[in-house]
Every structure is written in C-alpha cells, then in structure tokens.
Amino acid sequence: MPDRRCKQVFAMLSDYLDADLPVKNCRELERHLKGCQPCLDYIESLKTTVGACRRYQVRSIPPLSKKVRQSLLLALQKTDRARTRPESAV
C-alpha cells in the first residue's frame, strides 16, 4: 500500500511526464522513484496510457441513433434534477 509520500508523488506524475514540474520537484520525485516499485509501476502504466491516448485519433464521430440520443437526454435530465433538488429531499 502506498505511503503518504507515494500519494504526493502520484499527484505530481502528470506534470512530471509533461515536463511541467519544477526542477527541484523533479529531483525529489526521481529520488523517490529509485526506491519505490509501486510508484515505478504506476509511472510506467501512466506513460503507456498517455502514449496510447496520443496515438489515438478520432477521424469522425458516427451519428447517434434516435434511441441513443433519447437515452442520453433522459440521463442528462435526471442528473440535472438530482443536482437542483434541495438537500433535504435527497
């Protein structure tokens, strides 16, 4: 189970992979990664996911059927009603 430091590292990994993390934080993160297999596993998984997302390009979105559009509209309406309902009614 990750410790508190691992949770802090997890929160910085996206910025680290995007090269948006300050140098000081990069050094701390890299020092932690040298001795923490769960964090290394997590960063490898994140790298794979980010790479897959970057390779995936939607050429076109197929049109939705009338049934699917109606289902989505009903779900949206339910969500809106639940969000605007007073707390005492929940």
PDB file of N, CA and C in Angstrom:
ATOM      1  N   MET A   1       0.845  -1.181   0.000  1.00  0.00           N
ATOM      2  CA  MET A   1       0.000   0.000   0.000  1.00  0.00           C
ATOM      3  C   MET A   1       0.886   1.237   0.000  1.00  0.00           C
ATOM      4  N   PRO A   2       0.592   2.196  -0.899  1.00  0.00           N
ATOM      5  CA  PRO A   2       1.417   3.398  -0.968  1.00  0.00           C
ATOM      6  C   PRO A   2       1.342   4.207   0.323  1.00  0.00           C
ATOM      7  N   ASP A   3       2.490   4.792   0.689  1.00  0.00           N
ATOM      8  CA  ASP A   3       2.501   5.650   1.869  1.00  0.00           C
ATOM      9  C   ASP A   3       2.143   7.083   1.469  1.00  0.00           C
ATOM     10  N   ARG A   4       2.197   7.983   2.418  1.00  0.00           N
ATOM     11  CA  ARG A   4       1.812   9.374   2.171  1.00  0.00           C
ATOM     12  C   ARG A   4       2.683  10.001   1.091  1.00  0.00           C
ATOM     13  N   ARG A   5       3.973   9.693   1.095  1.00  0.00           N
ATOM     14  CA  ARG A   5       4.890  10.250   0.084  1.00  0.00           C
ATOM     15  C   ARG A   5       4.504   9.755  -1.308  1.00  0.00           C
ATOM     16  N   CYS A   6       4.095   8.504  -1.421  1.00  0.00           N
ATOM     17  CA  CYS A   6       3.668   7.961  -2.713  1.00  0.00           C
ATOM     18  C   CYS A   6       2.460   8.737  -3.242  1.00  0.00           C
ATOM     19  N   LYS A   7       1.541   9.057  -2.371  1.00  0.00           N
ATOM     20  CA  LYS A   7       0.362   9.816  -2.801  1.00  0.00           C
ATOM     21  C   LYS A   7       0.774  11.187  -3.326  1.00  0.00           C
ATOM     22  N   GLN A   8       1.763  11.804  -2.702  1.00  0.00           N
ATOM     23  CA  GLN A   8       2.259  13.089  -3.183  1.00  0.00           C
ATOM     24  C   GLN A   8       2.921  12.923  -4.557  1.00  0.00           C
ATOM     25  N   VAL A   9       3.658  11.842  -4.722  1.00  0.00           N
ATOM     26  CA  VAL A   9       4.314  11.556  -5.997  1.00  0.00           C
ATOM     27  C   VAL A   9       3.261  11.323  -7.073  1.00  0.00           C
ATOM     28  N   PHE A  10       2.239  10.536  -6.769  1.00  0.00           N
ATOM     29  CA  PHE A  10       1.172  10.267  -7.737  1.00  0.00           C
ATOM     30  C   PHE A  10       0.571  11.569  -8.241  1.00  0.00           C
ATOM     31  N   ALA A  11       0.395  12.535  -7.347  1.00  0.00           N
ATOM     32  CA  ALA A  11      -0.214  13.813  -7.707  1.00  0.00           C
ATOM     33  C   ALA A  11       0.680  14.622  -8.648  1.00  0.00           C
ATOM     34  N   MET A  12       1.989  14.373  -8.622  1.00  0.00           N
ATOM     35  CA  MET A  12       2.926  15.131  -9.454  1.00  0.00           C
ATOM     36  C   MET A  12       3.268  14.450 -10.771  1.00  0.00           C
ATOM     37  N   LEU A  13       2.890  13.199 -10.943  1.00  0.00           N
ATOM     38  CA  LEU A  13       3.367  12.438 -12.095  1.00  0.00           C
ATOM     39  C   LEU A  13       2.928  12.994 -13.444  1.00  0.00           C
ATOM     40  N   SER A  14       1.718  13.462 -13.561  1.00  0.00           N
ATOM     41  CA  SER A  14       1.278  14.022 -14.848  1.00  0.00           C
ATOM     42  C   SER A  14       2.128  15.222 -15.233  1.00  0.00           C
ATOM     43  N   ASP A  15       2.354  16.115 -14.280  1.00  0.00           N
ATOM     44  CA  ASP A  15       3.206  17.279 -14.559  1.00  0.00           C
ATOM     45  C   ASP A  15       4.626  16.831 -14.892  1.00  0.00           C
ATOM     46  N   TYR A  16       5.104  15.800 -14.215  1.00  0.00           N
ATOM     47  CA  TYR A  16       6.443  15.266 -14.469  1.00  0.00           C
ATOM     48  C   TYR A  16       6.540  14.746 -15.907  1.00  0.00           C
ATOM     49  N   LEU A  17       5.570  13.954 -16.327  1.00  0.00           N
ATOM     50  CA  LEU A  17       5.592  13.386 -17.674  1.00  0.00           C
ATOM     51  C   LEU A  17       5.426  14.456 -18.752  1.00  0.00           C
ATOM     52  N   ASP A  18       4.732  15.539 -18.420  1.00  0.00           N
ATOM     53  CA  ASP A  18       4.542  16.636 -19.368  1.00  0.00           C
ATOM     54  C   ASP A  18       5.681  17.653 -19.309  1.00  0.00           C
ATOM     55  N   ALA A  19       6.682  17.391 -18.463  1.00  0.00           N
ATOM     56  CA  ALA A  19       7.829  18.285 -18.264  1.00  0.00           C
ATOM     57  C   ALA A  19       7.379  19.654 -17.761  1.00  0.00           C
ATOM     58  N   ASP A  20       6.343  19.668 -16.936  1.00  0.00           N
ATOM     59  CA  ASP A  20       5.833  20.909 -16.351  1.00  0.00           C
ATOM     60  C   ASP A  20       6.153  21.025 -14.859  1.00  0.00           C
ATOM     61  N   LEU A  21       6.960  20.124 -14.342  1.00  0.00           N
ATOM     62  CA  LEU A  21       7.271  20.104 -12.917  1.00  0.00           C
ATOM     63  C   LEU A  21       8.581  20.865 -12.684  1.00  0.00           C
ATOM     64  N   PRO A  22       8.632  21.731 -11.676  1.00  0.00           N
ATOM     65  CA  PRO A  22       9.875  22.448 -11.380  1.00  0.00           C
ATOM     66  C   PRO A  22      11.029  21.471 -11.124  1.00  0.00           C
ATOM     67  N   VAL A  23      12.237  21.894 -11.450  1.00  0.00           N
ATOM     68  CA  VAL A  23      13.429  21.048 -11.352  1.00  0.00           C
ATOM     69  C   VAL A  23      13.583  20.453  -9.953  1.00  0.00           C
ATOM     70  N   LYS A  24      13.370  21.256  -8.926  1.00  0.00           N
ATOM     71  CA  LYS A  24      13.515  20.772  -7.541  1.00  0.00           C
ATOM     72  C   LYS A  24      12.565  19.593  -7.289  1.00  0.00           C
ATOM     73  N   ASN A  25      11.316  19.739  -7.732  1.00  0.00           N
ATOM     74  CA  ASN A  25      10.345  18.676  -7.541  1.00  0.00           C
ATOM     75  C   ASN A  25      10.702  17.437  -8.365  1.00  0.00           C
ATOM     76  N   CYS A  26      11.264  17.654  -9.564  1.00  0.00           N
ATOM     77  CA  CYS A  26      11.693  16.522 -10.404  1.00  0.00           C
ATOM     78  C   CYS A  26      12.753  15.697  -9.684  1.00  0.00           C
ATOM     79  N   ARG A  27      13.708  16.372  -9.088  1.00  0.00           N
ATOM     80  CA  ARG A  27      14.786  15.668  -8.368  1.00  0.00           C
ATOM     81  C   ARG A  27      14.222  14.851  -7.206  1.00  0.00           C
ATOM     82  N   GLU A  28      13.313  15.465  -6.454  1.00  0.00           N
ATOM     83  CA  GLU A  28      12.698  14.759  -5.323  1.00  0.00           C
ATOM     84  C   GLU A  28      11.923  13.540  -5.821  1.00  0.00           C
ATOM     85  N   LEU A  29      11.166  13.734  -6.884  1.00  0.00           N
ATOM     86  CA  LEU A  29      10.361  12.647  -7.434  1.00  0.00           C
ATOM     87  C   LEU A  29      11.260  11.516  -7.936  1.00  0.00           C
ATOM     88  N   GLU A  30      12.299  11.865  -8.662  1.00  0.00           N
ATOM     89  CA  GLU A  30      13.210  10.846  -9.199  1.00  0.00           C
ATOM     90  C   GLU A  30      13.935  10.099  -8.082  1.00  0.00           C
ATOM     91  N   ARG A  31      14.288  10.800  -7.018  1.00  0.00           N
ATOM     92  CA  ARG A  31      14.924  10.152  -5.856  1.00  0.00           C
ATOM     93  C   ARG A  31      13.959   9.137  -5.239  1.00  0.00           C
ATOM     94  N   HIS A  32      12.690   9.514  -5.123  1.00  0.00           N
ATOM     95  CA  HIS A  32      11.682   8.612  -4.562  1.00  0.00           C
ATOM     96  C   HIS A  32      11.484   7.403  -5.482  1.00  0.00           C
ATOM     97  N   LEU A  33      11.441   7.656  -6.786  1.00  0.00           N
ATOM     98  CA  LEU A  33      11.194   6.561  -7.740  1.00  0.00           C
ATOM     99  C   LEU A  33      12.290   5.492  -7.702  1.00  0.00           C
ATOM    100  N   LYS A  34      13.516   5.889  -7.387  1.00  0.00           N
ATOM    101  CA  LYS A  34      14.619   4.921  -7.333  1.00  0.00           C
ATOM    102  C   LYS A  34      14.380   3.818  -6.310  1.00  0.00           C
ATOM    103  N   GLY A  35      13.624   4.130  -5.259  1.00  0.00           N
ATOM    104  CA  GLY A  35      13.434   3.142  -4.204  1.00  0.00           C
ATOM    105  C   GLY A  35      12.000   2.684  -4.008  1.00  0.00           C
ATOM    106  N   CYS A  36      11.115   2.976  -4.955  1.00  0.00           N
ATOM    107  CA  CYS A  36       9.703   2.647  -4.728  1.00  0.00           C
ATOM    108  C   CYS A  36       9.095   1.948  -5.949  1.00  0.00           C
ATOM    109  N   GLN A  37       9.006   0.642  -5.884  1.00  0.00           N
ATOM    110  CA  GLN A  37       8.481  -0.134  -7.005  1.00  0.00           C
ATOM    111  C   GLN A  37       7.021   0.196  -7.337  1.00  0.00           C
ATOM    112  N   PRO A  38       6.130   0.378  -6.351  1.00  0.00           N
ATOM    113  CA  PRO A  38       4.752   0.740  -6.714  1.00  0.00           C
ATOM    114  C   PRO A  38       4.669   2.034  -7.533  1.00  0.00           C
ATOM    115  N   CYS A  39       5.474   3.021  -7.181  1.00  0.00           N
ATOM    116  CA  CYS A  39       5.462   4.268  -7.940  1.00  0.00           C
ATOM    117  C   CYS A  39       6.055   4.067  -9.333  1.00  0.00           C
ATOM    118  N   LEU A  40       7.103   3.251  -9.438  1.00  0.00           N
ATOM    119  CA  LEU A  40       7.667   2.947 -10.752  1.00  0.00           C
ATOM    120  C   LEU A  40       6.639   2.248 -11.636  1.00  0.00           C
ATOM    121  N   ASP A  41       5.926   1.294 -11.057  1.00  0.00           N
ATOM    122  CA  ASP A  41       4.879   0.589 -11.807  1.00  0.00           C
ATOM    123  C   ASP A  41       3.797   1.562 -12.255  1.00  0.00           C
ATOM    124  N   TYR A  42       3.418   2.456 -11.371  1.00  0.00           N
ATOM    125  CA  TYR A  42       2.371   3.425 -11.681  1.00  0.00           C
ATOM    126  C   TYR A  42       2.804   4.362 -12.800  1.00  0.00           C
ATOM    127  N   ILE A  43       4.042   4.854 -12.749  1.00  0.00           N
ATOM    128  CA  ILE A  43       4.506   5.778 -13.778  1.00  0.00           C
ATOM    129  C   ILE A  43       4.605   5.077 -15.131  1.00  0.00           C
ATOM    130  N   GLU A  44       5.011   3.820 -15.142  1.00  0.00           N
ATOM    131  CA  GLU A  44       5.066   3.082 -16.403  1.00  0.00           C
ATOM    132  C   GLU A  44       3.665   2.911 -16.983  1.00  0.00           C
ATOM    133  N   SER A  45       2.709   2.627 -16.119  1.00  0.00           N
ATOM    134  CA  SER A  45       1.323   2.495 -16.553  1.00  0.00           C
ATOM    135  C   SER A  45       0.810   3.822 -17.107  1.00  0.00           C
ATOM    136  N   LEU A  46       1.137   4.901 -16.433  1.00  0.00           N
ATOM    137  CA  LEU A  46       0.713   6.228 -16.870  1.00  0.00           C
ATOM    138  C   LEU A  46       1.350   6.587 -18.219  1.00  0.00           C
ATOM    139  N   LYS A  47       2.635   6.276 -18.391  1.00  0.00           N
ATOM    140  CA  LYS A  47       3.313   6.528 -19.664  1.00  0.00           C
ATOM    141  C   LYS A  47       2.624   5.767 -20.798  1.00  0.00           C
ATOM    142  N   THR A  48       2.289   4.518 -20.547  1.00  0.00           N
ATOM    143  CA  THR A  48       1.618   3.704 -21.558  1.00  0.00           C
ATOM    144  C   THR A  48       0.265   4.292 -21.919  1.00  0.00           C
ATOM    145  N   THR A  49      -0.491   4.700 -20.909  1.00  0.00           N
ATOM    146  CA  THR A  49      -1.814   5.285 -21.140  1.00  0.00           C
ATOM    147  C   THR A  49      -1.718   6.590 -21.919  1.00  0.00           C
ATOM    148  N   VAL A  50      -0.811   7.462 -21.517  1.00  0.00           N
ATOM    149  CA  VAL A  50      -0.640   8.746 -22.201  1.00  0.00           C
ATOM    150  C   VAL A  50      -0.219   8.516 -23.652  1.00  0.00           C
ATOM    151  N   GLY A  51       0.689   7.581 -23.863  1.00  0.00           N
ATOM    152  CA  GLY A  51       1.124   7.272 -25.226  1.00  0.00           C
ATOM    153  C   GLY A  51      -0.010   6.757 -26.087  1.00  0.00           C
ATOM    154  N   ALA A  52      -0.833   5.887 -25.525  1.00  0.00           N
ATOM    155  CA  ALA A  52      -1.975   5.353 -26.269  1.00  0.00           C
ATOM    156  C   ALA A  52      -2.961   6.457 -26.618  1.00  0.00           C
ATOM    157  N   CYS A  53      -3.202   7.358 -25.682  1.00  0.00           N
ATOM    158  CA  CYS A  53      -4.127   8.464 -25.937  1.00  0.00           C
ATOM    159  C   CYS A  53      -3.591   9.388 -27.028  1.00  0.00           C
ATOM    160  N   ARG A  54      -2.301   9.613 -27.028  1.00  0.00           N
ATOM    161  CA  ARG A  54      -1.714  10.485 -28.051  1.00  0.00           C
ATOM    162  C   ARG A  54      -1.754   9.837 -29.434  1.00  0.00           C
ATOM    163  N   ARG A  55      -1.642   8.522 -29.488  1.00  0.00           N
ATOM    164  CA  ARG A  55      -1.692   7.828 -30.777  1.00  0.00           C
ATOM    165  C   ARG A  55      -3.107   7.720 -31.321  1.00  0.00           C
ATOM    166  N   TYR A  56      -4.083   7.719 -30.434  1.00  0.00           N
ATOM    167  CA  TYR A  56      -5.475   7.540 -30.844  1.00  0.00           C
ATOM    168  C   TYR A  56      -6.022   8.856 -31.389  1.00  0.00           C
ATOM    169  N   GLN A  57      -6.518   8.808 -32.597  1.00  0.00           N
ATOM    170  CA  GLN A  57      -7.107   9.997 -33.189  1.00  0.00           C
ATOM    171  C   GLN A  57      -8.470   9.623 -33.755  1.00  0.00           C
ATOM    172  N   VAL A  58      -9.460  10.354 -33.353  1.00  0.00           N
ATOM    173  CA  VAL A  58     -10.811  10.120 -33.852  1.00  0.00           C
ATOM    174  C   VAL A  58     -10.922  10.791 -35.215  1.00  0.00           C
ATOM    175  N   ARG A  59     -11.215  10.012 -36.202  1.00  0.00           N
ATOM    176  CA  ARG A  59     -11.374  10.558 -37.561  1.00  0.00           C
ATOM    177  C   ARG A  59     -12.738  11.224 -37.709  1.00  0.00           C
ATOM    178  N   SER A  60     -13.755  10.552 -37.232  1.00  0.00           N
ATOM    179  CA  SER A  60     -15.089  11.130 -37.259  1.00  0.00           C
ATOM    180  C   SER A  60     -15.937  10.422 -36.215  1.00  0.00           C
ATOM    181  N   ILE A  61     -16.929  11.115 -35.755  1.00  0.00           N
ATOM    182  CA  ILE A  61     -17.830  10.544 -34.761  1.00  0.00           C
ATOM    183  C   ILE A  61     -19.083  10.090 -35.497  1.00  0.00           C
ATOM    184  N   PRO A  62     -19.398   8.814 -35.400  1.00  0.00           N
ATOM    185  CA  PRO A  62     -20.586   8.337 -36.110  1.00  0.00           C
ATOM    186  C   PRO A  62     -21.848   8.962 -35.516  1.00  0.00           C
ATOM    187  N   PRO A  63     -22.857   9.155 -36.344  1.00  0.00           N
ATOM    188  CA  PRO A  63     -24.106   9.740 -35.832  1.00  0.00           C
ATOM    189  C   PRO A  63     -24.765   8.800 -34.818  1.00  0.00           C
ATOM    190  N   LEU A  64     -25.415   9.390 -33.833  1.00  0.00           N
ATOM    191  CA  LEU A  64     -26.102   8.604 -32.810  1.00  0.00           C
ATOM    192  C   LEU A  64     -27.509   8.271 -33.293  1.00  0.00           C
ATOM    193  N   SER A  65     -27.936   7.083 -32.933  1.00  0.00           N
ATOM    194  CA  SER A  65     -29.306   6.707 -33.278  1.00  0.00           C
ATOM    195  C   SER A  65     -30.280   7.515 -32.414  1.00  0.00           C
ATOM    196  N   LYS A  66     -31.528   7.566 -32.859  1.00  0.00           N
ATOM    197  CA  LYS A  66     -32.555   8.291 -32.115  1.00  0.00           C
ATOM    198  C   LYS A  66     -32.692   7.721 -30.707  1.00  0.00           C
ATOM    199  N   LYS A  67     -32.620   6.404 -30.574  1.00  0.00           N
ATOM    200  CA  LYS A  67     -32.747   5.745 -29.271  1.00  0.00           C
ATOM    201  C   LYS A  67     -31.608   6.161 -28.333  1.00  0.00           C
ATOM    202  N   VAL A  68     -30.394   6.195 -28.839  1.00  0.00           N
ATOM    203  CA  VAL A  68     -29.239   6.577 -28.021  1.00  0.00           C
ATOM    204  C   VAL A  68     -29.352   8.044 -27.615  1.00  0.00           C
ATOM    205  N   ARG A  69     -29.726   8.926 -28.548  1.00  0.00           N
ATOM    206  CA  ARG A  69     -29.903  10.336 -28.216  1.00  0.00           C
ATOM    207  C   ARG A  69     -30.947  10.520 -27.116  1.00  0.00           C
ATOM    208  N   GLN A  70     -32.068   9.790 -27.216  1.00  0.00           N
ATOM    209  CA  GLN A  70     -33.121   9.881 -26.196  1.00  0.00           C
ATOM    210  C   GLN A  70     -32.610   9.399 -24.841  1.00  0.00           C
ATOM    211  N   SER A  71     -31.857   8.303 -24.840  1.00  0.00           N
ATOM    212  CA  SER A  71     -31.301   7.782 -23.574  1.00  0.00           C
ATOM    213  C   SER A  71     -30.360   8.785 -22.935  1.00  0.00           C
ATOM    214  N   LEU A  72     -29.518   9.391 -23.746  1.00  0.00           N
ATOM    215  CA  LEU A  72     -28.585  10.392 -23.222  1.00  0.00           C
ATOM    216  C   LEU A  72     -29.326  11.611 -22.680  1.00  0.00           C
ATOM    217  N   LEU A  73     -30.346  12.042 -23.392  1.00  0.00           N
ATOM    218  CA  LEU A  73     -31.134  13.184 -22.938  1.00  0.00           C
ATOM    219  C   LEU A  73     -31.828  12.886 -21.614  1.00  0.00           C
ATOM    220  N   LEU A  74     -32.410  11.690 -21.474  1.00  0.00           N
ATOM    221  CA  LEU A  74     -33.051  11.306 -20.208  1.00  0.00           C
ATOM    222  C   LEU A  74     -32.048  11.273 -19.057  1.00  0.00           C
ATOM    223  N   ALA A  75     -30.866  10.723 -19.321  1.00  0.00           N
ATOM    224  CA  ALA A  75     -29.829  10.668 -18.285  1.00  0.00           C
ATOM    225  C   ALA A  75     -29.405  12.067 -17.866  1.00  0.00           C
ATOM    226  N   LEU A  76     -29.269  12.965 -18.833  1.00  0.00           N
ATOM    227  CA  LEU A  76     -28.901  14.348 -18.523  1.00  0.00           C
ATOM    228  C   LEU A  76     -29.988  15.032 -17.698  1.00  0.00           C
ATOM    229  N   GLN A  77     -31.233  14.814 -18.065  1.00  0.00           N
ATOM    230  CA  GLN A  77     -32.341  15.409 -17.321  1.00  0.00           C
ATOM    231  C   GLN A  77     -32.380  14.886 -15.890  1.00  0.00           C
ATOM    232  N   LYS A  78     -32.153  13.585 -15.698  1.00  0.00           N
ATOM    233  CA  LYS A  78     -32.114  13.012 -14.340  1.00  0.00           C
ATOM    234  C   LYS A  78     -30.997  13.655 -13.524  1.00  0.00           C
ATOM    235  N   THR A  79     -29.847  13.808 -14.143  1.00  0.00           N
ATOM    236  CA  THR A  79     -28.699  14.405 -13.455  1.00  0.00           C
ATOM    237  C   THR A  79     -29.007  15.843 -13.063  1.00  0.00           C
ATOM    238  N   ASP A  80     -29.603  16.592 -13.983  1.00  0.00           N
ATOM    239  CA  ASP A  80     -29.955  17.984 -13.679  1.00  0.00           C
ATOM    240  C   ASP A  80     -30.962  18.069 -12.538  1.00  0.00           C
ATOM    241  N   ARG A  81     -31.966  17.191 -12.550  1.00  0.00           N
ATOM    242  CA  ARG A  81     -32.964  17.196 -11.469  1.00  0.00           C
ATOM    243  C   ARG A  81     -32.313  16.862 -10.136  1.00  0.00           C
ATOM    244  N   ALA A  82     -31.442  15.883 -10.127  1.00  0.00           N
ATOM    245  CA  ALA A  82     -30.774  15.478  -8.886  1.00  0.00           C
ATOM    246  C   ALA A  82     -29.877  16.602  -8.368  1.00  0.00           C
ATOM    247  N   ARG A  83     -29.255  17.312  -9.269  1.00  0.00           N
ATOM    248  CA  ARG A  83     -28.355  18.392  -8.871  1.00  0.00           C
ATOM    249  C   ARG A  83     -29.109  19.591  -8.314  1.00  0.00           C
ATOM    250  N   THR A  84     -30.303  19.850  -8.818  1.00  0.00           N
ATOM    251  CA  THR A  84     -31.060  21.027  -8.369  1.00  0.00           C
ATOM    252  C   THR A  84     -32.015  20.726  -7.231  1.00  0.00           C
ATOM    253  N   ARG A  85     -32.125  19.451  -6.860  1.00  0.00           N
ATOM    254  CA  ARG A  85     -33.010  19.056  -5.768  1.00  0.00           C
ATOM    255  C   ARG A  85     -32.433  19.555  -4.444  1.00  0.00           C
ATOM    256  N   PRO A  86     -33.263  20.121  -3.567  1.00  0.00           N
ATOM    257  CA  PRO A  86     -32.775  20.569  -2.260  1.00  0.00           C
ATOM    258  C   PRO A  86     -32.182  19.392  -1.469  1.00  0.00           C
ATOM    259  N   GLU A  87     -31.175  19.699  -0.657  1.00  0.00           N
ATOM    260  CA  GLU A  87     -30.505  18.669   0.138  1.00  0.00           C
ATOM    261  C   GLU A  87     -31.453  17.857   0.990  1.00  0.00           C
ATOM    262  N   SER A  88     -32.486  18.478   1.532  1.00  0.00           N
ATOM    263  CA  SER A  88     -33.419  17.753   2.408  1.00  0.00           C
ATOM    264  C   SER A  88     -34.226  16.712   1.642  1.00  0.00           C
ATOM    265  N   ALA A  89     -34.335  16.872   0.340  1.00  0.00           N
ATOM    266  CA  ALA A  89     -35.106  15.928  -0.471  1.00  0.00           C
ATOM    267  C   ALA A  89     -34.266  14.732  -0.903  1.00  0.00           C
ATOM    268  N   VAL A  90     -32.958  14.787  -0.686  1.00  0.00           N
ATOM    269  CA  VAL A  90     -32.080  13.691  -1.119  1.00  0.00           C
ATOM    270  C   VAL A  90     -32.165  12.510  -0.234  1.00  0.00           C
TER     271      VAL A  90
END
